[in-house]
Protein backbone atom coordinates (compact mmCIF):
# COMPACT_ATOMS: atom_id res chain seq x y z
CA UNK A 1 97.95 58.43 48.44
CA UNK A 2 99.47 59.34 45.06
CA UNK A 3 96.55 57.71 43.25
CA UNK A 4 94.03 59.72 45.24
CA UNK A 5 95.81 62.97 44.47
CA UNK A 6 96.05 62.02 40.79
CA UNK A 7 92.32 61.17 40.72
CA UNK A 8 91.34 64.47 42.36
CA UNK A 9 93.62 66.40 40.00
CA UNK A 10 92.17 64.57 36.99
CA UNK A 11 88.59 65.31 38.06
CA UNK A 12 89.43 68.97 38.67
CA UNK A 13 91.08 69.16 35.25
CA UNK A 14 88.03 67.58 33.59
CA UNK A 15 85.60 70.02 35.24
CA UNK A 16 87.86 72.95 34.47
CA UNK A 17 88.05 71.97 30.82
CA UNK A 18 84.28 71.49 30.63
CA UNK A 19 83.67 74.88 32.28
CA UNK A 20 86.13 76.59 29.95
CA UNK A 21 84.46 75.01 26.93
CA UNK A 22 81.02 76.10 28.14
CA UNK A 23 82.28 79.65 28.66
CA UNK A 24 83.60 79.75 25.09
CA UNK A 25 80.30 78.68 23.53
CA UNK A 26 78.33 81.62 22.21
CA UNK A 27 75.25 82.57 24.18
CA UNK A 28 71.94 82.05 22.40
CA UNK A 29 70.79 85.19 20.64
CA UNK A 30 67.97 86.94 22.49
CA UNK A 31 64.71 87.49 20.70
CA UNK A 32 64.02 90.91 19.29
CA UNK A 33 61.07 91.53 21.60
CA UNK A 34 63.15 90.75 24.62
CA UNK A 35 65.81 93.20 23.47
CA UNK A 36 63.36 96.05 23.43
CA UNK A 37 61.99 95.21 26.86
CA UNK A 38 65.47 94.93 28.23
CA UNK A 39 66.59 98.26 26.85
CA UNK A 40 63.81 100.04 28.64
CA UNK A 41 64.44 98.32 31.91
CA UNK A 42 68.22 98.10 31.60
CA UNK A 43 68.86 101.54 33.06
CA UNK A 44 67.01 100.75 36.28
CA UNK A 45 68.15 97.14 36.33
CA UNK A 46 71.82 98.02 35.85
CA UNK A 47 71.95 99.86 39.15
CA UNK A 48 69.92 97.17 40.93
CA UNK A 49 71.92 94.33 39.34
CA UNK A 50 75.18 95.95 40.36
CA UNK A 51 74.02 96.34 43.95
CA UNK A 52 72.68 92.80 43.98
CA UNK A 53 75.91 91.49 42.47
CA UNK A 54 77.93 93.38 45.07
CA UNK A 55 75.80 91.97 47.88
CA UNK A 56 76.07 88.49 46.42
CA UNK A 57 79.86 88.81 46.06
CA UNK A 58 80.13 90.10 49.63
CA UNK A 59 78.00 87.21 50.91
CA UNK A 60 80.10 84.69 48.97
CA UNK A 61 83.30 86.25 50.29
CA UNK A 62 81.97 86.12 53.85
CA UNK A 63 80.93 82.49 53.40
CA UNK A 64 84.35 81.64 51.95
CA UNK A 65 86.07 83.43 54.86
CA UNK A 66 83.92 81.54 57.38
CA UNK A 67 84.68 78.24 55.65
CA UNK A 68 88.41 79.01 55.60
CA UNK A 69 88.32 79.93 59.28
CA UNK A 70 86.43 76.74 60.12
CA UNK A 71 88.89 74.68 58.06
CA UNK A 72 91.83 76.35 59.79
CA UNK A 73 90.25 75.78 63.20
CA UNK A 74 89.62 72.12 62.36
CA UNK A 75 93.20 71.70 61.15
CA UNK A 76 94.52 73.33 64.33
CA UNK A 77 92.29 71.08 66.44
CA UNK A 78 93.50 68.01 64.56
CA UNK A 79 97.14 69.06 64.98
CA UNK A 80 96.60 69.60 68.72
CA UNK A 81 94.88 66.22 69.03
CA UNK A 82 97.70 64.54 67.09
CA UNK A 83 100.28 66.19 69.35
CA UNK A 84 98.36 65.12 72.46
CA UNK A 85 98.12 61.57 71.15
CA UNK A 86 101.84 61.52 70.35
CA UNK A 87 102.67 62.86 73.82
CA UNK A 88 100.48 60.23 75.48
CA UNK A 89 102.06 57.49 73.37
CA UNK A 90 105.57 58.69 74.26
CA UNK A 91 104.65 58.83 77.95
CA UNK A 92 103.20 55.32 77.82
CA UNK A 93 106.32 54.00 76.07
CA UNK A 94 108.55 55.68 78.67
CA UNK A 95 106.48 54.21 81.50
CA UNK A 96 106.67 50.75 79.95
CA UNK A 97 110.43 51.09 79.49
CA UNK A 98 110.82 52.23 83.12
CA UNK A 99 108.75 49.29 84.37
CA UNK A 100 110.80 46.86 82.29
CA UNK A 101 114.06 48.36 83.56
CA UNK A 102 112.82 48.10 87.17
CA UNK A 103 111.75 44.48 86.66
CA UNK A 104 115.10 43.64 85.04
CA UNK A 105 116.96 45.30 87.92
CA UNK A 106 114.88 43.43 90.49
CA UNK A 107 115.50 40.12 88.70
CA UNK A 108 119.24 40.82 88.57
CA UNK A 109 119.33 41.67 92.29
CA UNK A 110 117.37 38.52 93.13
CA UNK A 111 119.76 36.41 91.06
CA UNK A 112 122.80 38.04 92.70
CA UNK A 113 121.32 37.44 96.16
CA UNK A 114 120.62 33.79 95.34
CA UNK A 115 124.17 33.32 94.01
CA UNK A 116 125.64 34.97 97.13
CA UNK A 117 123.53 32.79 99.42
CA UNK A 118 124.60 29.66 97.54
CA UNK A 119 128.26 30.71 97.71
CA UNK A 120 127.96 31.41 101.45
CA UNK A 121 126.35 28.00 102.06
CA UNK A 122 129.08 26.27 100.05
CA UNK A 123 131.79 28.14 101.93
CA UNK A 124 130.23 27.19 105.28
CA UNK A 125 129.94 23.54 104.21
CA UNK A 126 133.57 23.53 102.99
CA UNK A 127 134.73 25.09 106.27
CA UNK A 128 132.78 22.53 108.31
CA UNK A 129 134.20 19.67 106.24
CA UNK A 130 137.73 21.03 106.65
CA UNK A 131 137.26 21.35 110.44
CA UNK A 132 135.85 17.80 110.62
CA UNK A 133 138.78 16.47 108.59
CA UNK A 134 141.25 18.36 110.75
CA UNK A 135 139.62 16.95 113.90
CA UNK A 136 139.70 13.43 112.42
CA UNK A 137 143.36 13.86 111.43
CA UNK A 138 144.19 15.10 114.93
CA UNK A 139 142.37 12.17 116.53
CA UNK A 140 144.18 9.76 114.24
CA UNK A 141 147.51 11.41 115.02
CA UNK A 142 146.76 11.28 118.76
CA UNK A 143 145.85 7.57 118.53
CA UNK A 144 149.02 6.85 116.56
CA UNK A 145 151.09 8.81 119.05
CA UNK A 146 149.46 6.90 121.93
CA UNK A 147 150.05 3.59 120.13
CA UNK A 148 153.64 4.53 119.41
CA UNK A 149 154.13 5.53 123.03
CA UNK A 150 152.62 2.26 124.18
CA UNK A 151 154.87 0.36 121.80
CA UNK A 152 157.88 2.35 122.95
CA UNK A 153 156.96 1.75 126.60
CA UNK A 154 156.58 -1.98 125.97
CA UNK A 155 159.92 -2.05 124.17
CA UNK A 156 161.58 -0.12 126.93
CA UNK A 157 160.09 -2.45 129.53
CA UNK A 158 161.20 -5.50 127.53
CA UNK A 159 164.68 -4.03 127.17
CA UNK A 160 164.78 -3.30 130.86
CA UNK A 161 163.66 -6.77 131.67
CA UNK A 162 166.23 -8.20 129.34
CA UNK A 163 168.95 -6.16 130.93
CA UNK A 164 167.78 -7.13 134.41
CA UNK A 165 167.94 -10.80 133.56
CA UNK A 166 171.40 -10.62 132.44
């Protein structure tokens, strides 16, 4: 961008210098015959030339004003388009961020639900295993108690028999 500005400035400087040099060069001397013809027509021409010059200057000013207005309108249009584009871009980025946040939240909820389900299943399996073990322990204790009772009964019967024989 700096190079472009430098190039434009250099070209403008070159044309300005050339124009200044041309303005400083003396105008070619008019021929004597032309001078006489001009003097006679100068009085009428001076008034006409001034009016023509005024009209020309007014037309140039009007054209310059129209060009400036068109340039300003184009710049305003470009600024409005740039603002609209920036607004659309910001809205699209916000929408994308919202969608990503929603997807992340959904994934986190799904993961939490899966973890809770797995924990519930493990707890149920642990509870079932504990109940099965408790039932097995109770059965084993009942069998041992029954065996002990049987042994005690047999001992008592043997002791009774032994005391009866005596």
